[in-house]
Protein backbone atom coordinates (compact mmCIF):
# COMPACT_ATOMS: atom_id res chain seq x y z
CA UNK A 1 0.00 0.00 0.00
CA UNK A 2 1.53 3.33 -0.96
CA UNK A 3 1.46 6.62 0.98
CA UNK A 4 -1.35 8.09 -1.11
CA UNK A 5 -3.65 5.14 -0.50
CA UNK A 6 -2.87 5.17 3.23
CA UNK A 7 -3.75 8.89 3.55
CA UNK A 8 -6.93 8.49 1.48
CA UNK A 9 -8.33 5.65 3.56
CA UNK A 10 -9.66 7.79 6.47
CA UNK A 11 -11.22 10.20 3.94
CA UNK A 12 -12.98 7.39 2.10
CA UNK A 13 -14.37 5.98 5.36
CA UNK A 14 -15.26 9.31 6.98
CA UNK A 15 -18.69 10.88 7.20
CA UNK A 16 -16.79 14.21 7.47
CA UNK A 17 -15.69 14.01 3.82
CA UNK A 18 -17.40 17.23 2.69
CA UNK A 19 -15.96 19.22 5.62
CA UNK A 20 -12.47 17.91 4.77
CA UNK A 21 -12.91 18.83 1.11
CA UNK A 22 -14.00 22.35 2.11
CA UNK A 23 -10.77 22.64 4.13
CA UNK A 24 -8.83 21.43 1.09
CA UNK A 25 -10.48 24.09 -1.11
CA UNK A 26 -9.51 26.83 1.34
CA UNK A 27 -5.92 25.59 1.71
CA UNK A 28 -5.65 25.19 -2.06
CA UNK A 29 -6.70 28.81 -2.55
CA UNK A 30 -4.47 30.21 0.21
CA UNK A 31 -1.39 28.20 -0.74
CA UNK A 32 -1.69 28.81 -4.48
CA UNK A 33 -2.30 25.21 -5.56
CA UNK A 34 -5.21 26.19 -7.78
CA UNK A 35 -3.91 24.21 -10.75
CA UNK A 36 -4.36 20.92 -8.88
CA UNK A 37 -7.52 18.86 -8.43
CA UNK A 38 -8.95 18.61 -4.91
CA UNK A 39 -7.70 15.05 -4.49
CA UNK A 40 -4.17 15.87 -5.69
CA UNK A 41 -4.14 18.94 -3.47
CA UNK A 42 -5.31 16.88 -0.49
CA UNK A 43 -2.56 14.35 -1.00
CA UNK A 44 0.12 17.01 -1.52
CA UNK A 45 -0.96 18.82 1.64
CA UNK A 46 -1.02 15.60 3.66
CA UNK A 47 2.43 14.59 2.45
CA UNK A 48 4.14 17.96 2.91
CA UNK A 49 2.22 20.00 5.47
CA UNK A 50 2.11 18.85 9.10
CA UNK A 51 -0.41 21.48 10.19
CA UNK A 52 -2.83 20.48 7.44
CA UNK A 53 -2.33 16.88 8.50
CA UNK A 54 -3.34 17.94 12.04
CA UNK A 55 -6.53 19.57 10.71
CA UNK A 56 -7.26 16.46 8.61
CA UNK A 57 -6.79 14.16 11.60
CA UNK A 58 -9.01 16.45 13.71
CA UNK A 59 -11.79 16.30 11.10
CA UNK A 60 -11.57 12.52 10.74
CA UNK A 61 -11.61 12.16 14.54
CA UNK A 62 -14.97 14.00 14.64
CA UNK A 63 -16.53 11.40 12.34
CA UNK A 64 -17.60 7.79 12.47
CA UNK A 65 -15.84 4.89 14.17
CA UNK A 66 -14.38 3.29 11.02
CA UNK A 67 -12.73 6.55 9.98
CA UNK A 68 -11.40 7.13 13.51
CA UNK A 69 -9.84 3.67 13.52
CA UNK A 70 -8.21 4.31 10.13
CA UNK A 71 -6.99 7.71 11.36
CA UNK A 72 -5.41 6.05 14.39
CA UNK A 73 -3.54 3.59 12.20
CA UNK A 74 -2.40 6.27 9.73
CA UNK A 75 -1.28 8.62 12.52
CA UNK A 76 1.00 5.90 13.86
CA UNK A 77 2.85 5.93 10.53
CA UNK A 78 2.56 9.64 9.70
CA UNK A 79 2.68 12.15 12.51
CA UNK A 80 0.93 15.47 12.64
CA UNK A 81 2.35 18.75 14.00
CA UNK A 82 3.18 17.72 17.57
CA UNK A 83 3.05 21.23 19.00
CA UNK A 84 -0.42 21.95 17.54
CA UNK A 85 -3.45 21.15 19.67
CA UNK A 86 -6.92 21.49 18.09
CA UNK A 87 -10.16 21.08 20.02
CA UNK A 88 -13.59 22.73 20.01
CA UNK A 89 -16.45 21.60 22.22
CA UNK A 90 -19.16 22.36 19.64
CA UNK A 91 -16.99 21.99 16.55
CA UNK A 92 -15.07 23.97 13.97
CA UNK A 93 -16.60 25.23 10.76
CA UNK A 94 -15.19 24.45 7.32
CA UNK A 95 -12.14 26.18 5.89
CA UNK A 96 -9.91 26.11 8.99
CA UNK A 97 -6.46 27.34 7.92
CA UNK A 98 -3.45 27.21 10.22
CA UNK A 99 -0.46 29.09 8.80
CA UNK A 100 2.41 27.47 10.69
CA UNK A 101 0.84 25.85 13.73
CA UNK A 102 4.03 25.73 15.79
CA UNK A 103 3.28 25.94 19.51
CA UNK A 104 -0.42 26.66 18.95
CA UNK A 105 -3.26 25.69 21.25
CA UNK A 106 -6.84 25.91 20.05
CA UNK A 107 -9.32 25.02 22.80
CA UNK A 108 -12.56 26.83 21.96
CA UNK A 109 -16.24 26.36 22.51
CA UNK A 110 -16.94 26.89 18.81
CA UNK A 111 -15.09 28.23 15.77
CA UNK A 112 -16.94 29.42 12.68
CA UNK A 113 -16.12 28.98 9.01
CA UNK A 114 -12.87 30.15 7.41
CA UNK A 115 -10.82 30.74 10.55
CA UNK A 116 -7.20 31.72 9.85
CA UNK A 117 -4.80 31.07 12.72
CA UNK A 118 -1.07 31.78 12.84
CA UNK A 119 1.68 30.23 14.95
CA UNK A 120 2.10 30.48 18.73
CA UNK A 121 -1.56 31.36 19.23
CA UNK A 122 -3.46 30.38 22.36
CA UNK A 123 -7.23 30.14 22.25
CA UNK A 124 -8.51 28.80 25.55
CA UNK A 125 -9.82 29.32 29.03
CA UNK A 126 -8.36 31.48 31.80
CA UNK A 127 -7.59 30.14 35.25
CA UNK A 128 -10.40 32.25 36.76
CA UNK A 129 -12.96 31.62 34.02
CA UNK A 130 -14.49 28.29 33.08
CA UNK A 131 -15.70 29.46 29.66
CA UNK A 132 -14.04 28.87 26.32
CA UNK A 133 -13.97 31.42 23.50
CA UNK A 134 -16.58 31.43 20.75
CA UNK A 135 -15.06 32.51 17.45
CA UNK A 136 -17.23 33.72 14.57
CA UNK A 137 -16.85 33.26 10.81
CA UNK A 138 -13.91 34.70 8.84
CA UNK A 139 -11.80 35.44 11.93
CA UNK A 140 -8.05 35.88 11.60
CA UNK A 141 -5.80 35.48 14.65
CA UNK A 142 -2.24 36.77 14.28
CA UNK A 143 0.99 35.22 15.49
CA UNK A 144 1.41 35.03 19.25
CA UNK A 145 -2.09 36.30 20.03
CA UNK A 146 -4.00 35.11 23.08
CA UNK A 147 -7.81 34.79 23.06
CA UNK A 148 -8.82 33.78 26.57
CA UNK A 149 -11.96 33.08 28.57
CA UNK A 150 -15.65 32.81 27.87
CA UNK A 151 -15.64 35.60 25.30
CA UNK A 152 -16.99 35.97 21.77
CA UNK A 153 -15.15 37.20 18.71
CA UNK A 154 -17.74 38.34 16.17
CA UNK A 155 -17.65 37.60 12.45
CA UNK A 156 -14.90 39.19 10.33
CA UNK A 157 -12.65 40.04 13.29
CA UNK A 158 -8.87 40.34 12.96
CA UNK A 159 -6.76 39.90 16.08
CA UNK A 160 -3.32 41.44 15.63
CA UNK A 161 -0.05 39.70 16.41
CA UNK A 162 0.66 39.32 20.14
CA UNK A 163 -2.67 40.88 21.14
CA UNK A 164 -4.28 39.66 24.36
CA UNK A 165 -8.07 39.48 24.06
CA UNK A 166 -10.06 38.85 27.25
CA UNK A 167 -13.30 40.69 26.36
CA UNK A 168 -15.91 40.29 23.64
CA UNK A 169 -15.05 41.78 20.25
CA UNK A 170 -17.91 42.96 18.02
CA UNK A 171 -18.13 41.92 14.37
CA UNK A 172 -16.10 43.65 11.65
CA UNK A 173 -13.32 44.92 13.92
CA UNK A 174 -9.53 44.82 14.12
CA UNK A 175 -8.05 44.57 17.61
CA UNK A 176 -4.44 44.97 18.72
CA UNK A 177 -2.44 45.44 21.90
CA UNK A 178 -2.24 44.27 25.48
CA UNK A 179 -4.98 44.45 26.56
CA UNK A 180 -6.58 44.44 23.14
CA UNK A 181 -8.39 47.53 21.88
CA UNK A 182 -10.33 48.19 18.69
CA UNK A 183 -8.32 50.09 16.07
CA UNK A 184 -10.63 49.59 13.09
CA UNK A 185 -14.40 49.15 13.00
CA UNK A 186 -16.15 48.41 9.69
CA UNK A 187 -13.10 49.69 7.82
CA UNK A 188 -12.89 53.01 9.69
CA UNK A 189 -9.89 53.80 11.88
CA UNK A 190 -10.87 54.22 15.54
CA UNK A 191 -9.38 53.77 19.01
CA UNK A 192 -11.85 52.11 21.37
CA UNK A 193 -11.51 50.06 24.51
CA UNK A 194 -13.18 46.69 24.65
């Protein structure tokens, strides 16, 4: 059995196939592999990109028992990004893109469609707060950012590099700083506290 067949097995068995293919479409667009078919792109990403492999294994793990068993076997032969942890209590929407994934922890309540997450990001709970973040659709979280506690990031939010977000962020905003503050709302430059 060759590498391509081994990687394809969990996909063929999974009831999460469409979600995986939506991830592939997003990665294909963002990485410039538009000249490849979805299947070729999937296999190239799985062979060469550890963070995509982590997303793939996460998706397969959310599916049926047969696919989870195949994922377990494949992950013994082909590792994912070891310093990337992905978990969401209520799930992650399609199109999850993780730029580098090194030293990244994603522990959210829910993440919407088309999330874009850079390296060394922490999304999770605070020691004094039992809630997990809820992240809307089309959210981008920059390198080193921290999104902590039972907060909500609205749709179309950008969190700047190294920002620390511990309060809700309304939709269509850009936040930066420690603690994070709004610097752009609906395309207009502002300075607002959260």
